Amino acid sequence: MTIGEKIKSAREKRGWTPLELARKAELEICISCVEDGVRPLTYWQLAKVADALKREPSWFIDGKEPDDPVFLHCRLSDTSGMTDI
């Protein structure tokens, strides 16, 4: 699954349109173009999309799901104070 397909899947699970995701991520880009693989994202843009979708940016790259035991272990032992899972 491509990064764009993962963004689309996560967006649709929330019932958002591409425009709603762009607004929530505070980006002026065509999300459907990203989802279709027509337009790439910078890492900074991907981080903003991931934040809006409540995902780690790495999820879009390596596919680790939030319920993955390795992901949970790393998240629970994070020293930055992040506690939401």
C-alpha atoms as a PDB file:
ATOM      1  CA  MET A   1       0.000   0.000   0.000  1.00  0.00           C
ATOM      2  CA  THR A   2       1.390   3.413  -0.957  1.00  0.00           C
ATOM      3  CA  ILE A   3       1.624   6.414   1.364  1.00  0.00           C
ATOM      4  CA  GLY A   4      -1.223   8.037  -0.575  1.00  0.00           C
ATOM      5  CA  GLU A   5      -3.420   4.952  -0.182  1.00  0.00           C
ATOM      6  CA  LYS A   6      -2.709   4.888   3.548  1.00  0.00           C
ATOM      7  CA  ILE A   7      -3.640   8.566   3.849  1.00  0.00           C
ATOM      8  CA  LYS A   8      -6.880   7.926   1.965  1.00  0.00           C
ATOM      9  CA  SER A   9      -7.740   4.920   4.109  1.00  0.00           C
ATOM     10  CA  ALA A  10      -7.101   6.779   7.383  1.00  0.00           C
ATOM     11  CA  ARG A  11      -9.027   9.813   6.119  1.00  0.00           C
ATOM     12  CA  GLU A  12     -12.026   7.758   5.013  1.00  0.00           C
ATOM     13  CA  LYS A  13     -12.128   5.924   8.372  1.00  0.00           C
ATOM     14  CA  ARG A  14     -12.729   9.331   9.943  1.00  0.00           C
ATOM     15  CA  GLY A  15     -15.362  10.242   7.376  1.00  0.00           C
ATOM     16  CA  TRP A  16     -13.420  13.271   6.156  1.00  0.00           C
ATOM     17  CA  THR A  17     -13.239  14.627   2.635  1.00  0.00           C
ATOM     18  CA  PRO A  18      -9.826  15.429   1.144  1.00  0.00           C
ATOM     19  CA  LEU A  19     -10.544  19.128   1.687  1.00  0.00           C
ATOM     20  CA  GLU A  20     -11.391  18.548   5.367  1.00  0.00           C
ATOM     21  CA  LEU A  21      -8.090  16.724   5.874  1.00  0.00           C
ATOM     22  CA  ALA A  22      -6.161  19.525   4.172  1.00  0.00           C
ATOM     23  CA  ARG A  23      -7.829  22.065   6.452  1.00  0.00           C
ATOM     24  CA  LYS A  24      -7.248  20.012   9.595  1.00  0.00           C
ATOM     25  CA  ALA A  25      -3.591  19.560   8.598  1.00  0.00           C
ATOM     26  CA  GLU A  26      -3.366  23.294   7.859  1.00  0.00           C
ATOM     27  CA  LEU A  27      -2.013  22.618   4.377  1.00  0.00           C
ATOM     28  CA  GLU A  28      -2.914  24.198   1.065  1.00  0.00           C
ATOM     29  CA  ILE A  29      -2.376  21.118  -1.056  1.00  0.00           C
ATOM     30  CA  CYS A  30      -4.575  18.784  -3.087  1.00  0.00           C
ATOM     31  CA  ILE A  31      -4.950  15.774  -0.777  1.00  0.00           C
ATOM     32  CA  SER A  32      -6.663  13.710  -3.485  1.00  0.00           C
ATOM     33  CA  CYS A  33      -3.608  14.357  -5.722  1.00  0.00           C
ATOM     34  CA  VAL A  34      -1.402  12.975  -2.948  1.00  0.00           C
ATOM     35  CA  GLU A  35      -3.709   9.987  -2.459  1.00  0.00           C
ATOM     36  CA  ASP A  36      -3.653   9.262  -6.214  1.00  0.00           C
ATOM     37  CA  GLY A  37       0.154   9.455  -6.333  1.00  0.00           C
ATOM     38  CA  VAL A  38       0.188  12.525  -8.576  1.00  0.00           C
ATOM     39  CA  ARG A  39       1.786  14.839  -6.013  1.00  0.00           C
ATOM     40  CA  PRO A  40       4.433  13.839  -3.455  1.00  0.00           C
ATOM     41  CA  LEU A  41       4.584  15.215   0.073  1.00  0.00           C
ATOM     42  CA  THR A  42       7.571  16.657   1.852  1.00  0.00           C
ATOM     43  CA  TYR A  43       8.307  15.076   5.213  1.00  0.00           C
ATOM     44  CA  TRP A  44       7.061  18.276   6.875  1.00  0.00           C
ATOM     45  CA  GLN A  45       3.730  17.979   5.031  1.00  0.00           C
ATOM     46  CA  LEU A  46       3.497  14.285   5.861  1.00  0.00           C
ATOM     47  CA  ALA A  47       4.072  15.103   9.541  1.00  0.00           C
ATOM     48  CA  LYS A  48       1.193  17.611   9.461  1.00  0.00           C
ATOM     49  CA  VAL A  49      -1.119  15.082   7.757  1.00  0.00           C
ATOM     50  CA  ALA A  50      -0.088  12.414  10.266  1.00  0.00           C
ATOM     51  CA  ASP A  51      -0.787  14.770  13.161  1.00  0.00           C
ATOM     52  CA  ALA A  52      -4.251  15.568  11.811  1.00  0.00           C
ATOM     53  CA  LEU A  53      -4.955  11.848  11.412  1.00  0.00           C
ATOM     54  CA  LYS A  54      -3.503  11.029  14.872  1.00  0.00           C
ATOM     55  CA  ARG A  55      -0.848   8.772  13.393  1.00  0.00           C
ATOM     56  CA  GLU A  56       2.914   8.685  13.628  1.00  0.00           C
ATOM     57  CA  PRO A  57       4.544   9.802  10.358  1.00  0.00           C
ATOM     58  CA  SER A  58       6.442   6.505  10.273  1.00  0.00           C
ATOM     59  CA  TRP A  59       3.135   4.595   9.991  1.00  0.00           C
ATOM     60  CA  PHE A  60       2.731   5.895   6.460  1.00  0.00           C
ATOM     61  CA  ILE A  61       6.195   4.609   5.587  1.00  0.00           C
ATOM     62  CA  ASP A  62       6.596   1.335   7.488  1.00  0.00           C
ATOM     63  CA  GLY A  63       2.960   0.437   8.150  1.00  0.00           C
ATOM     64  CA  LYS A  64       3.269  -0.240  11.867  1.00  0.00           C
ATOM     65  CA  GLU A  65      -0.258  -0.169  13.261  1.00  0.00           C
ATOM     66  CA  PRO A  66      -0.970   1.504  16.627  1.00  0.00           C
ATOM     67  CA  ASP A  67      -1.869  -1.886  18.130  1.00  0.00           C
ATOM     68  CA  ASP A  68       1.448  -3.388  17.055  1.00  0.00           C
ATOM     69  CA  PRO A  69       3.228  -4.532  20.283  1.00  0.00           C
ATOM     70  CA  VAL A  70       6.513  -2.936  19.196  1.00  0.00           C
ATOM     71  CA  PHE A  71       4.773   0.385  18.502  1.00  0.00           C
ATOM     72  CA  LEU A  72       2.965   0.278  21.849  1.00  0.00           C
ATOM     73  CA  HIS A  73       6.165  -0.536  23.735  1.00  0.00           C
ATOM     74  CA  CYS A  74       8.004   2.364  22.128  1.00  0.00           C
ATOM     75  CA  ARG A  75       5.081   4.726  22.675  1.00  0.00           C
ATOM     76  CA  LEU A  76       4.600   3.747  26.337  1.00  0.00           C
ATOM     77  CA  SER A  77       8.299   4.080  27.080  1.00  0.00           C
ATOM     78  CA  ASP A  78       8.586   7.454  25.304  1.00  0.00           C
ATOM     79  CA  THR A  79      10.172  10.004  27.619  1.00  0.00           C
ATOM     80  CA  SER A  80       8.699  13.038  25.873  1.00  0.00           C
ATOM     81  CA  GLY A  81       5.485  12.791  27.855  1.00  0.00           C
ATOM     82  CA  MET A  82       3.312  11.422  25.049  1.00  0.00           C
ATOM     83  CA  THR A  83       0.729   9.132  26.549  1.00  0.00           C
ATOM     84  CA  ASP A  84      -2.064   8.962  23.956  1.00  0.00           C
ATOM     85  CA  ILE A  85      -2.165   5.650  22.133  1.00  0.00           C
END
